[in-house]
Full PDB file with SEQRES, HELIX, SHEET, SSBOND, CRYST1, ORIGX, SCALE, CONECT and MASTER records, all heavy atoms in Angstrom:
SEQRES   1 A   45  ALA VAL ILE SER ASP PHE SER LEU GLY LEU PHE LEU ALA          
SEQRES   2 A   45  MET SER LEU MET SER MET GLN LEU TRP THR ILE ALA GLY          
SEQRES   3 A   45  LEU ALA GLY PRO LEU MET VAL ILE LEU LEU LEU GLN THR          
SEQRES   4 A   45  LEU ALA ALA VAL ALA PHE                                      
HELIX    1 AA1 VAL A    2  MET A   17  1                                  16    
HELIX    2 AA2 LEU A   21  THR A   23  5                                   3    
HELIX    3 AA3 ALA A   25  LEU A   27  5                                   3    
HELIX    4 AA4 ALA A   28  ALA A   44  1                                  17    
CRYST1    1.000    1.000    1.000  90.00  90.00  90.00 P 1           1          
ORIGX1      1.000000  0.000000  0.000000        0.00000                         
ORIGX2      0.000000  1.000000  0.000000        0.00000                         
ORIGX3      0.000000  0.000000  1.000000        0.00000                         
SCALE1      1.000000  0.000000  0.000000        0.00000                         
SCALE2      0.000000  1.000000  0.000000        0.00000                         
SCALE3      0.000000  0.000000  1.000000        0.00000                         
ATOM      1  N   ALA A   1      35.565  67.582  54.820  1.00  0.00           N  
ATOM      2  CA  ALA A   1      36.145  67.886  53.506  1.00  0.00           C  
ATOM      3  C   ALA A   1      37.433  67.105  53.286  1.00  0.00           C  
ATOM      4  O   ALA A   1      37.679  66.581  52.186  1.00  0.00           O  
ATOM      5  CB  ALA A   1      36.401  69.387  53.389  1.00  0.00           C  
ATOM      6  N   VAL A   2      38.252  67.001  54.331  1.00  0.00           N  
ATOM      7  CA  VAL A   2      39.525  66.287  54.200  1.00  0.00           C  
ATOM      8  C   VAL A   2      39.286  64.786  54.016  1.00  0.00           C  
ATOM      9  O   VAL A   2      39.939  64.135  53.185  1.00  0.00           O  
ATOM     10  CB  VAL A   2      40.414  66.560  55.428  1.00  0.00           C  
ATOM     11  CG1 VAL A   2      41.605  65.608  55.459  1.00  0.00           C  
ATOM     12  CG2 VAL A   2      40.909  67.996  55.407  1.00  0.00           C  
ATOM     13  N   ILE A   3      38.340  64.217  54.774  1.00  0.00           N  
ATOM     14  CA  ILE A   3      38.037  62.787  54.634  1.00  0.00           C  
ATOM     15  C   ILE A   3      37.480  62.503  53.237  1.00  0.00           C  
ATOM     16  O   ILE A   3      37.822  61.497  52.605  1.00  0.00           O  
ATOM     17  CB  ILE A   3      37.052  62.340  55.728  1.00  0.00           C  
ATOM     18  CG1 ILE A   3      37.755  62.353  57.091  1.00  0.00           C  
ATOM     19  CG2 ILE A   3      36.513  60.938  55.438  1.00  0.00           C  
ATOM     20  CD1 ILE A   3      36.843  62.102  58.257  1.00  0.00           C  
ATOM     21  N   SER A   4      36.625  63.379  52.728  1.00  0.00           N  
ATOM     22  CA  SER A   4      36.089  63.210  51.377  1.00  0.00           C  
ATOM     23  C   SER A   4      37.193  63.271  50.340  1.00  0.00           C  
ATOM     24  O   SER A   4      37.239  62.463  49.396  1.00  0.00           O  
ATOM     25  CB  SER A   4      35.033  64.291  51.098  1.00  0.00           C  
ATOM     26  OG  SER A   4      33.930  64.164  51.954  1.00  0.00           O  
ATOM     27  N   ASP A   5      38.110  64.216  50.504  1.00  0.00           N  
ATOM     28  CA  ASP A   5      39.222  64.366  49.570  1.00  0.00           C  
ATOM     29  C   ASP A   5      40.126  63.141  49.611  1.00  0.00           C  
ATOM     30  O   ASP A   5      40.579  62.632  48.576  1.00  0.00           O  
ATOM     31  CB  ASP A   5      40.010  65.623  49.928  1.00  0.00           C  
ATOM     32  CG  ASP A   5      40.825  66.145  48.754  1.00  0.00           C  
ATOM     33  OD1 ASP A   5      40.497  65.812  47.609  1.00  0.00           O  
ATOM     34  OD2 ASP A   5      41.786  66.900  48.995  1.00  0.00           O  
ATOM     35  N   PHE A   6      40.394  62.651  50.820  1.00  0.00           N  
ATOM     36  CA  PHE A   6      41.214  61.457  51.010  1.00  0.00           C  
ATOM     37  C   PHE A   6      40.583  60.254  50.295  1.00  0.00           C  
ATOM     38  O   PHE A   6      41.256  59.532  49.550  1.00  0.00           O  
ATOM     39  CB  PHE A   6      41.341  61.177  52.514  1.00  0.00           C  
ATOM     40  CG  PHE A   6      41.995  59.867  52.854  1.00  0.00           C  
ATOM     41  CD1 PHE A   6      43.374  59.750  52.905  1.00  0.00           C  
ATOM     42  CD2 PHE A   6      41.228  58.749  53.134  1.00  0.00           C  
ATOM     43  CE1 PHE A   6      43.975  58.532  53.218  1.00  0.00           C  
ATOM     44  CE2 PHE A   6      41.813  57.533  53.442  1.00  0.00           C  
ATOM     45  CZ  PHE A   6      43.200  57.424  53.493  1.00  0.00           C  
ATOM     46  N   SER A   7      39.286  60.072  50.499  1.00  0.00           N  
ATOM     47  CA  SER A   7      38.583  58.927  49.912  1.00  0.00           C  
ATOM     48  C   SER A   7      38.586  58.992  48.390  1.00  0.00           C  
ATOM     49  O   SER A   7      38.878  58.004  47.698  1.00  0.00           O  
ATOM     50  CB  SER A   7      37.140  58.862  50.424  1.00  0.00           C  
ATOM     51  OG  SER A   7      37.106  58.769  51.833  1.00  0.00           O  
ATOM     52  N   LEU A   8      38.272  60.167  47.853  1.00  0.00           N  
ATOM     53  CA  LEU A   8      38.230  60.323  46.400  1.00  0.00           C  
ATOM     54  C   LEU A   8      39.611  60.171  45.787  1.00  0.00           C  
ATOM     55  O   LEU A   8      39.781  59.518  44.756  1.00  0.00           O  
ATOM     56  CB  LEU A   8      37.643  61.687  46.032  1.00  0.00           C  
ATOM     57  CG  LEU A   8      37.584  62.003  44.538  1.00  0.00           C  
ATOM     58  CD1 LEU A   8      36.652  61.041  43.815  1.00  0.00           C  
ATOM     59  CD2 LEU A   8      37.144  63.441  44.306  1.00  0.00           C  
ATOM     60  N   GLY A   9      40.614  60.789  46.423  1.00  0.00           N  
ATOM     61  CA  GLY A   9      41.968  60.734  45.892  1.00  0.00           C  
ATOM     62  C   GLY A   9      42.491  59.314  45.786  1.00  0.00           C  
ATOM     63  O   GLY A   9      43.051  58.907  44.757  1.00  0.00           O  
ATOM     64  N   LEU A  10      42.298  58.516  46.848  1.00  0.00           N  
ATOM     65  CA  LEU A  10      42.790  57.143  46.816  1.00  0.00           C  
ATOM     66  C   LEU A  10      41.951  56.268  45.888  1.00  0.00           C  
ATOM     67  O   LEU A  10      42.481  55.359  45.245  1.00  0.00           O  
ATOM     68  CB  LEU A  10      42.808  56.561  48.228  1.00  0.00           C  
ATOM     69  CG  LEU A  10      43.871  57.141  49.163  1.00  0.00           C  
ATOM     70  CD1 LEU A  10      43.981  56.303  50.430  1.00  0.00           C  
ATOM     71  CD2 LEU A  10      45.237  57.229  48.492  1.00  0.00           C  
ATOM     72  N   PHE A  11      40.639  56.533  45.811  1.00  0.00           N  
ATOM     73  CA  PHE A  11      39.808  55.785  44.867  1.00  0.00           C  
ATOM     74  C   PHE A  11      40.326  55.974  43.444  1.00  0.00           C  
ATOM     75  O   PHE A  11      40.493  55.010  42.689  1.00  0.00           O  
ATOM     76  CB  PHE A  11      38.350  56.237  44.952  1.00  0.00           C  
ATOM     77  CG  PHE A  11      37.477  55.640  43.880  1.00  0.00           C  
ATOM     78  CD1 PHE A  11      36.850  54.422  44.083  1.00  0.00           C  
ATOM     79  CD2 PHE A  11      37.308  56.281  42.653  1.00  0.00           C  
ATOM     80  CE1 PHE A  11      36.068  53.845  43.074  1.00  0.00           C  
ATOM     81  CE2 PHE A  11      36.527  55.712  41.656  1.00  0.00           C  
ATOM     82  CZ  PHE A  11      35.910  54.493  41.864  1.00  0.00           C  
ATOM     83  N   LEU A  12      40.580  57.215  43.073  1.00  0.00           N  
ATOM     84  CA  LEU A  12      41.016  57.485  41.705  1.00  0.00           C  
ATOM     85  C   LEU A  12      42.426  56.967  41.465  1.00  0.00           C  
ATOM     86  O   LEU A  12      42.729  56.440  40.383  1.00  0.00           O  
ATOM     87  CB  LEU A  12      40.941  58.989  41.427  1.00  0.00           C  
ATOM     88  CG  LEU A  12      40.923  59.410  39.960  1.00  0.00           C  
ATOM     89  CD1 LEU A  12      39.795  58.719  39.210  1.00  0.00           C  
ATOM     90  CD2 LEU A  12      40.778  60.925  39.844  1.00  0.00           C  
ATOM     91  N   ALA A  13      43.305  57.104  42.468  1.00  0.00           N  
ATOM     92  CA  ALA A  13      44.662  56.569  42.328  1.00  0.00           C  
ATOM     93  C   ALA A  13      44.625  55.065  42.084  1.00  0.00           C  
ATOM     94  O   ALA A  13      45.324  54.540  41.201  1.00  0.00           O  
ATOM     95  CB  ALA A  13      45.482  56.884  43.584  1.00  0.00           C  
ATOM     96  N   MET A  14      43.784  54.338  42.845  1.00  0.00           N  
ATOM     97  CA  MET A  14      43.670  52.891  42.657  1.00  0.00           C  
ATOM     98  C   MET A  14      43.106  52.553  41.278  1.00  0.00           C  
ATOM     99  O   MET A  14      43.553  51.610  40.620  1.00  0.00           O  
ATOM    100  CB  MET A  14      42.763  52.291  43.738  1.00  0.00           C  
ATOM    101  CG  MET A  14      43.373  52.246  45.120  1.00  0.00           C  
ATOM    102  SD  MET A  14      42.252  51.431  46.284  1.00  0.00           S  
ATOM    103  CE  MET A  14      43.060  51.825  47.847  1.00  0.00           C  
ATOM    104  N   SER A  15      42.102  53.316  40.846  1.00  0.00           N  
ATOM    105  CA  SER A  15      41.471  53.040  39.560  1.00  0.00           C  
ATOM    106  C   SER A  15      42.460  53.178  38.411  1.00  0.00           C  
ATOM    107  O   SER A  15      42.488  52.346  37.484  1.00  0.00           O  
ATOM    108  CB  SER A  15      40.286  53.989  39.343  1.00  0.00           C  
ATOM    109  OG  SER A  15      39.277  53.774  40.304  1.00  0.00           O  
ATOM    110  N   LEU A  16      43.291  54.207  38.451  1.00  0.00           N  
ATOM    111  CA  LEU A  16      44.211  54.459  37.341  1.00  0.00           C  
ATOM    112  C   LEU A  16      45.462  53.590  37.432  1.00  0.00           C  
ATOM    113  O   LEU A  16      45.962  53.105  36.411  1.00  0.00           O  
ATOM    114  CB  LEU A  16      44.590  55.934  37.304  1.00  0.00           C  
ATOM    115  CG  LEU A  16      43.440  56.866  36.904  1.00  0.00           C  
ATOM    116  CD1 LEU A  16      43.835  58.322  37.062  1.00  0.00           C  
ATOM    117  CD2 LEU A  16      43.008  56.609  35.473  1.00  0.00           C  
ATOM    118  N   MET A  17      45.981  53.388  38.646  1.00  0.00           N  
ATOM    119  CA  MET A  17      47.216  52.592  38.755  1.00  0.00           C  
ATOM    120  C   MET A  17      46.959  51.126  38.433  1.00  0.00           C  
ATOM    121  O   MET A  17      47.883  50.392  38.056  1.00  0.00           O  
ATOM    122  CB  MET A  17      47.818  52.714  40.152  1.00  0.00           C  
ATOM    123  CG  MET A  17      47.118  51.920  41.232  1.00  0.00           C  
ATOM    124  SD  MET A  17      47.791  52.252  42.869  1.00  0.00           S  
ATOM    125  CE  MET A  17      47.141  50.829  43.780  1.00  0.00           C  
ATOM    126  N   SER A  18      45.689  50.664  38.546  1.00  0.00           N  
ATOM    127  CA  SER A  18      45.368  49.259  38.281  1.00  0.00           C  
ATOM    128  C   SER A  18      45.070  48.991  36.806  1.00  0.00           C  
ATOM    129  O   SER A  18      44.811  47.849  36.428  1.00  0.00           O  
ATOM    130  CB  SER A  18      44.167  48.825  39.127  1.00  0.00           C  
ATOM    131  OG  SER A  18      43.007  49.584  38.812  1.00  0.00           O  
ATOM    132  N   MET A  19      45.121  50.021  35.959  1.00  0.00           N  
ATOM    133  CA  MET A  19      44.889  49.809  34.528  1.00  0.00           C  
ATOM    134  C   MET A  19      46.013  48.974  33.922  1.00  0.00           C  
ATOM    135  O   MET A  19      47.190  49.272  34.139  1.00  0.00           O  
ATOM    136  CB  MET A  19      44.782  51.150  33.790  1.00  0.00           C  
ATOM    137  CG  MET A  19      43.573  51.963  34.135  1.00  0.00           C  
ATOM    138  SD  MET A  19      43.359  53.402  33.052  1.00  0.00           S  
ATOM    139  CE  MET A  19      44.914  54.255  33.320  1.00  0.00           C  
ATOM    140  N   GLN A  20      45.663  47.947  33.202  1.00  0.00           N  
ATOM    141  CA  GLN A  20      46.648  47.104  32.518  1.00  0.00           C  
ATOM    142  C   GLN A  20      46.708  47.547  31.057  1.00  0.00           C  
ATOM    143  O   GLN A  20      46.002  47.037  30.191  1.00  0.00           O  
ATOM    144  CB  GLN A  20      46.258  45.634  32.655  1.00  0.00           C  
ATOM    145  CG  GLN A  20      46.270  45.160  34.107  1.00  0.00           C  
ATOM    146  CD  GLN A  20      45.867  43.710  34.255  1.00  0.00           C  
ATOM    147  OE1 GLN A  20      44.991  43.227  33.546  1.00  0.00           O  
ATOM    148  NE2 GLN A  20      46.504  43.003  35.174  1.00  0.00           N  
ATOM    149  N   LEU A  21      47.569  48.519  30.815  1.00  0.00           N  
ATOM    150  CA  LEU A  21      47.600  49.176  29.512  1.00  0.00           C  
ATOM    151  C   LEU A  21      47.973  48.230  28.382  1.00  0.00           C  
ATOM    152  O   LEU A  21      47.587  48.460  27.228  1.00  0.00           O  
ATOM    153  CB  LEU A  21      48.577  50.363  29.554  1.00  0.00           C  
ATOM    154  CG  LEU A  21      48.211  51.495  30.539  1.00  0.00           C  
ATOM    155  CD1 LEU A  21      49.275  52.579  30.521  1.00  0.00           C  
ATOM    156  CD2 LEU A  21      46.845  52.087  30.208  1.00  0.00           C  
ATOM    157  N   TRP A  22      48.709  47.155  28.682  1.00  0.00           N  
ATOM    158  CA  TRP A  22      49.106  46.230  27.622  1.00  0.00           C  
ATOM    159  C   TRP A  22      47.911  45.462  27.049  1.00  0.00           C  
ATOM    160  O   TRP A  22      47.969  44.972  25.934  1.00  0.00           O  
ATOM    161  CB  TRP A  22      50.153  45.256  28.148  1.00  0.00           C  
ATOM    162  CG  TRP A  22      49.722  44.457  29.342  1.00  0.00           C  
ATOM    163  CD1 TRP A  22      49.081  43.248  29.335  1.00  0.00           C  
ATOM    164  CD2 TRP A  22      49.885  44.815  30.712  1.00  0.00           C  
ATOM    165  NE1 TRP A  22      48.833  42.824  30.608  1.00  0.00           N  
ATOM    166  CE2 TRP A  22      49.334  43.766  31.490  1.00  0.00           C  
ATOM    167  CE3 TRP A  22      50.455  45.900  31.368  1.00  0.00           C  
ATOM    168  CZ2 TRP A  22      49.320  43.790  32.883  1.00  0.00           C  
ATOM    169  CZ3 TRP A  22      50.457  45.922  32.755  1.00  0.00           C  
ATOM    170  CH2 TRP A  22      49.892  44.884  33.500  1.00  0.00           C  
ATOM    171  N   THR A  23      46.828  45.392  27.799  1.00  0.00           N  
ATOM    172  CA  THR A  23      45.658  44.656  27.309  1.00  0.00           C  
ATOM    173  C   THR A  23      44.910  45.411  26.221  1.00  0.00           C  
ATOM    174  O   THR A  23      44.079  44.819  25.520  1.00  0.00           O  
ATOM    175  CB  THR A  23      44.690  44.349  28.466  1.00  0.00           C  
ATOM    176  OG1 THR A  23      44.192  45.580  29.016  1.00  0.00           O  
ATOM    177  CG2 THR A  23      45.382  43.556  29.560  1.00  0.00           C  
ATOM    178  N   ILE A  24      45.152  46.727  26.115  1.00  0.00           N  
ATOM    179  CA  ILE A  24      44.426  47.502  25.112  1.00  0.00           C  
ATOM    180  C   ILE A  24      45.304  47.908  23.936  1.00  0.00           C  
ATOM    181  O   ILE A  24      44.813  48.514  22.990  1.00  0.00           O  
ATOM    182  CB  ILE A  24      43.809  48.778  25.742  1.00  0.00           C  
ATOM    183  CG1 ILE A  24      44.917  49.732  26.232  1.00  0.00           C  
ATOM    184  CG2 ILE A  24      42.871  48.425  26.870  1.00  0.00           C  
ATOM    185  CD1 ILE A  24      44.391  51.046  26.750  1.00  0.00           C  
ATOM    186  N   ALA A  25      46.597  47.538  23.992  1.00  0.00           N  
ATOM    187  CA  ALA A  25      47.523  47.990  22.942  1.00  0.00           C  
ATOM    188  C   ALA A  25      47.097  47.487  21.567  1.00  0.00           C  
ATOM    189  O   ALA A  25      47.124  48.234  20.581  1.00  0.00           O  
ATOM    190  CB  ALA A  25      48.941  47.518  23.265  1.00  0.00           C  
ATOM    191  N   GLY A  26      46.656  46.233  21.470  1.00  0.00           N  
ATOM    192  CA  GLY A  26      46.292  45.678  20.179  1.00  0.00           C  
ATOM    193  C   GLY A  26      44.973  46.191  19.628  1.00  0.00           C  
ATOM    194  O   GLY A  26      44.653  45.960  18.470  1.00  0.00           O  
ATOM    195  N   LEU A  27      44.199  46.864  20.477  1.00  0.00           N  
ATOM    196  CA  LEU A  27      42.878  47.347  20.050  1.00  0.00           C  
ATOM    197  C   LEU A  27      42.850  48.859  19.831  1.00  0.00           C  
ATOM    198  O   LEU A  27      41.815  49.405  19.462  1.00  0.00           O  
ATOM    199  CB  LEU A  27      41.842  46.973  21.114  1.00  0.00           C  
ATOM    200  CG  LEU A  27      41.659  45.479  21.388  1.00  0.00           C  
ATOM    201  CD1 LEU A  27      40.825  45.281  22.644  1.00  0.00           C  
ATOM    202  CD2 LEU A  27      40.999  44.794  20.207  1.00  0.00           C  
ATOM    203  N   ALA A  28      43.967  49.509  20.087  1.00  0.00           N  
ATOM    204  CA  ALA A  28      43.945  50.961  20.179  1.00  0.00           C  
ATOM    205  C   ALA A  28      43.932  51.676  18.838  1.00  0.00           C  
ATOM    206  O   ALA A  28      43.661  52.872  18.799  1.00  0.00           O  
ATOM    207  CB  ALA A  28      45.151  51.448  21.005  1.00  0.00           C  
ATOM    208  N   GLY A  29      44.218  51.007  17.702  1.00  0.00           N  
ATOM    209  CA  GLY A  29      44.325  51.691  16.416  1.00  0.00           C  
ATOM    210  C   GLY A  29      43.065  52.395  15.961  1.00  0.00           C  
ATOM    211  O   GLY A  29      42.914  53.608  16.159  1.00  0.00           O  
ATOM    212  N   PRO A  30      42.111  51.682  15.359  1.00  0.00           N  
ATOM    213  CA  PRO A  30      40.865  52.331  14.907  1.00  0.00           C  
ATOM    214  C   PRO A  30      40.082  52.958  16.051  1.00  0.00           C  
ATOM    215  O   PRO A  30      39.404  53.964  15.860  1.00  0.00           O  
ATOM    216  CB  PRO A  30      40.088  51.176  14.272  1.00  0.00           C  
ATOM    217  CG  PRO A  30      41.109  50.146  13.946  1.00  0.00           C  
ATOM    218  CD  PRO A  30      42.163  50.265  14.992  1.00  0.00           C  
ATOM    219  N   LEU A  31      40.174  52.340  17.241  1.00  0.00           N  
ATOM    220  CA  LEU A  31      39.428  52.882  18.379  1.00  0.00           C  
ATOM    221  C   LEU A  31      39.893  54.290  18.726  1.00  0.00           C  
ATOM    222  O   LEU A  31      39.096  55.132  19.152  1.00  0.00           O  
ATOM    223  CB  LEU A  31      39.586  51.975  19.604  1.00  0.00           C  
ATOM    224  CG  LEU A  31      38.915  50.604  19.539  1.00  0.00           C  
ATOM    225  CD1 LEU A  31      39.103  49.856  20.849  1.00  0.00           C  
ATOM    226  CD2 LEU A  31      37.430  50.745  19.215  1.00  0.00           C  
ATOM    227  N   MET A  32      41.193  54.562  18.560  1.00  0.00           N  
ATOM    228  CA  MET A  32      41.708  55.890  18.899  1.00  0.00           C  
ATOM    229  C   MET A  32      41.117  56.964  17.994  1.00  0.00           C  
ATOM    230  O   MET A  32      40.919  58.096  18.418  1.00  0.00           O  
ATOM    231  CB  MET A  32      43.238  55.910  18.824  1.00  0.00           C  
ATOM    232  CG  MET A  32      43.927  55.167  19.955  1.00  0.00           C  
ATOM    233  SD  MET A  32      43.385  55.706  21.614  1.00  0.00           S  
ATOM    234  CE  MET A  32      43.880  57.429  21.595  1.00  0.00           C  
ATOM    235  N   VAL A  33      40.837  56.597  16.736  1.00  0.00           N  
ATOM    236  CA  VAL A  33      40.197  57.555  15.827  1.00  0.00           C  
ATOM    237  C   VAL A  33      38.801  57.892  16.344  1.00  0.00           C  
ATOM    238  O   VAL A  33      38.410  59.069  16.420  1.00  0.00           O  
ATOM    239  CB  VAL A  33      40.109  56.978  14.399  1.00  0.00           C  
ATOM    240  CG1 VAL A  33      39.340  57.938  13.490  1.00  0.00           C  
ATOM    241  CG2 VAL A  33      41.516  56.727  13.854  1.00  0.00           C  
ATOM    242  N   ILE A  34      38.042  56.852  16.725  1.00  0.00           N  
ATOM    243  CA  ILE A  34      36.687  57.083  17.242  1.00  0.00           C  
ATOM    244  C   ILE A  34      36.735  57.873  18.544  1.00  0.00           C  
ATOM    245  O   ILE A  34      35.964  58.824  18.732  1.00  0.00           O  
ATOM    246  CB  ILE A  34      35.964  55.742  17.461  1.00  0.00           C  
ATOM    247  CG1 ILE A  34      35.911  54.940  16.159  1.00  0.00           C  
ATOM    248  CG2 ILE A  34      34.561  55.978  17.995  1.00  0.00           C  
ATOM    249  CD1 ILE A  34      35.335  53.542  16.318  1.00  0.00           C  
ATOM    250  N   LEU A  35      37.662  57.506  19.423  1.00  0.00           N  
ATOM    251  CA  LEU A  35      37.737  58.176  20.725  1.00  0.00           C  
ATOM    252  C   LEU A  35      38.250  59.608  20.597  1.00  0.00           C  
ATOM    253  O   LEU A  35      37.892  60.473  21.396  1.00  0.00           O  
ATOM    254  CB  LEU A  35      38.620  57.366  21.679  1.00  0.00           C  
ATOM    255  CG  LEU A  35      38.029  56.008  22.076  1.00  0.00           C  
ATOM    256  CD1 LEU A  35      39.025  55.215  22.907  1.00  0.00           C  
ATOM    257  CD2 LEU A  35      36.728  56.193  22.848  1.00  0.00           C  
ATOM    258  N   LEU A  36      39.082  59.860  19.579  1.00  0.00           N  
ATOM    259  CA  LEU A  36      39.492  61.241  19.314  1.00  0.00           C  
ATOM    260  C   LEU A  36      38.281  62.074  18.904  1.00  0.00           C  
ATOM    261  O   LEU A  36      38.100  63.210  19.376  1.00  0.00           O  
ATOM    262  CB  LEU A  36      40.562  61.277  18.226  1.00  0.00           C  
ATOM    263  CG  LEU A  36      40.999  62.675  17.760  1.00  0.00           C  
ATOM    264  CD1 LEU A  36      41.600  63.465  18.924  1.00  0.00           C  
ATOM    265  CD2 LEU A  36      41.995  62.575  16.601  1.00  0.00           C  
ATOM    266  N   LEU A  37      37.433  61.514  18.040  1.00  0.00           N  
ATOM    267  CA  LEU A  37      36.200  62.211  17.655  1.00  0.00           C  
ATOM    268  C   LEU A  37      35.300  62.429  18.869  1.00  0.00           C  
ATOM    269  O   LEU A  37      34.685  63.490  19.012  1.00  0.00           O  
ATOM    270  CB  LEU A  37      35.457  61.396  16.585  1.00  0.00           C  
ATOM    271  CG  LEU A  37      36.121  61.298  15.209  1.00  0.00           C  
ATOM    272  CD1 LEU A  37      35.303  60.371  14.311  1.00  0.00           C  
ATOM    273  CD2 LEU A  37      36.260  62.675  14.569  1.00  0.00           C  
ATOM    274  N   GLN A  38      35.217  61.428  19.753  1.00  0.00           N  
ATOM    275  CA  GLN A  38      34.402  61.564  20.958  1.00  0.00           C  
ATOM    276  C   GLN A  38      34.930  62.677  21.855  1.00  0.00           C  
ATOM    277  O   GLN A  38      34.155  63.446  22.444  1.00  0.00           O  
ATOM    278  CB  GLN A  38      34.381  60.239  21.735  1.00  0.00           C  
ATOM    279  CG  GLN A  38      33.646  59.108  21.049  1.00  0.00           C  
ATOM    280  CD  GLN A  38      32.129  59.268  21.100  1.00  0.00           C  
ATOM    281  OE1 GLN A  38      31.604  60.345  21.364  1.00  0.00           O  
ATOM    282  NE2 GLN A  38      31.426  58.188  20.841  1.00  0.00           N  
ATOM    283  N   THR A  39      36.244  62.776  21.963  1.00  0.00           N  
ATOM    284  CA  THR A  39      36.840  63.818  22.796  1.00  0.00           C  
ATOM    285  C   THR A  39      36.555  65.206  22.227  1.00  0.00           C  
ATOM    286  O   THR A  39      36.170  66.132  22.955  1.00  0.00           O  
ATOM    287  CB  THR A  39      38.363  63.604  22.917  1.00  0.00           C  
ATOM    288  OG1 THR A  39      38.612  62.291  23.432  1.00  0.00           O  
ATOM    289  CG2 THR A  39      38.990  64.640  23.852  1.00  0.00           C  
ATOM    290  N   LEU A  40      36.740  65.354  20.914  1.00  0.00           N  
ATOM    291  CA  LEU A  40      36.462  66.644  20.268  1.00  0.00           C  
ATOM    292  C   LEU A  40      34.992  67.019  20.405  1.00  0.00           C  
ATOM    293  O   LEU A  40      34.655  68.184  20.659  1.00  0.00           O  
ATOM    294  CB  LEU A  40      36.865  66.581  18.794  1.00  0.00           C  
ATOM    295  CG  LEU A  40      38.367  66.416  18.509  1.00  0.00           C  
ATOM    296  CD1 LEU A  40      38.604  66.238  17.014  1.00  0.00           C  
ATOM    297  CD2 LEU A  40      39.154  67.614  19.040  1.00  0.00           C  
ATOM    298  N   ALA A  41      34.115  66.022  20.260  1.00  0.00           N  
ATOM    299  CA  ALA A  41      32.675  66.277  20.391  1.00  0.00           C  
ATOM    300  C   ALA A  41      32.334  66.713  21.811  1.00  0.00           C  
ATOM    301  O   ALA A  41      31.537  67.635  22.023  1.00  0.00           O  
ATOM    302  CB  ALA A  41      31.881  65.024  20.014  1.00  0.00           C  
ATOM    303  N   ALA A  42      32.937  66.055  22.810  1.00  0.00           N  
ATOM    304  CA  ALA A  42      32.668  66.403  24.206  1.00  0.00           C  
ATOM    305  C   ALA A  42      33.130  67.819  24.514  1.00  0.00           C  
ATOM    306  O   ALA A  42      32.412  68.601  25.157  1.00  0.00           O  
ATOM    307  CB  ALA A  42      33.357  65.396  25.132  1.00  0.00           C  
ATOM    308  N   VAL A  43      34.325  68.166  24.065  1.00  0.00           N  
ATOM    309  CA  VAL A  43      34.860  69.513  24.319  1.00  0.00           C  
ATOM    310  C   VAL A  43      33.976  70.566  23.654  1.00  0.00           C  
ATOM    311  O   VAL A  43      33.643  71.590  24.266  1.00  0.00           O  
ATOM    312  CB  VAL A  43      36.315  69.613  23.817  1.00  0.00           C  
ATOM    313  CG1 VAL A  43      36.806  71.063  23.892  1.00  0.00           C  
ATOM    314  CG2 VAL A  43      37.226  68.710  24.638  1.00  0.00           C  
ATOM    315  N   ALA A  44      33.588  70.333  22.403  1.00  0.00           N  
ATOM    316  CA  ALA A  44      32.731  71.299  21.701  1.00  0.00           C  
ATOM    317  C   ALA A  44      31.377  71.428  22.382  1.00  0.00           C  
ATOM    318  O   ALA A  44      30.848  72.543  22.550  1.00  0.00           O  
ATOM    319  CB  ALA A  44      32.551  70.863  20.244  1.00  0.00           C  
ATOM    320  N   PHE A  45      30.797  70.316  22.800  1.00  0.00           N  
ATOM    321  CA  PHE A  45      29.500  70.346  23.480  1.00  0.00           C  
ATOM    322  C   PHE A  45      29.582  71.141  24.773  1.00  0.00           C  
ATOM    323  O   PHE A  45      28.688  71.943  25.083  1.00  0.00           O  
ATOM    324  CB  PHE A  45      29.050  68.904  23.761  1.00  0.00           C  
ATOM    325  CG  PHE A  45      27.690  68.802  24.399  1.00  0.00           C  
ATOM    326  CD1 PHE A  45      26.543  68.828  23.623  1.00  0.00           C  
ATOM    327  CD2 PHE A  45      27.554  68.669  25.778  1.00  0.00           C  
ATOM    328  CE1 PHE A  45      25.288  68.721  24.212  1.00  0.00           C  
ATOM    329  CE2 PHE A  45      26.311  68.576  26.374  1.00  0.00           C  
ATOM    330  CZ  PHE A  45      25.170  68.601  25.590  1.00  0.00           C  
TER     331      PHE A  45                                                      
MASTER        0    0    0    4    0    0    0    6  330    1    0    4          
END                                                                             
């Protein structure tokens, strides 16, 4: 259980810390409206 937790924790930490947020800044406007709808739909579902 500890080895599994260790592996998953570091995998996710690497995945999120490696995001280059500046690459999506120029695309985030209309996309955020769509993704907000997707989030609301997922929560309701």
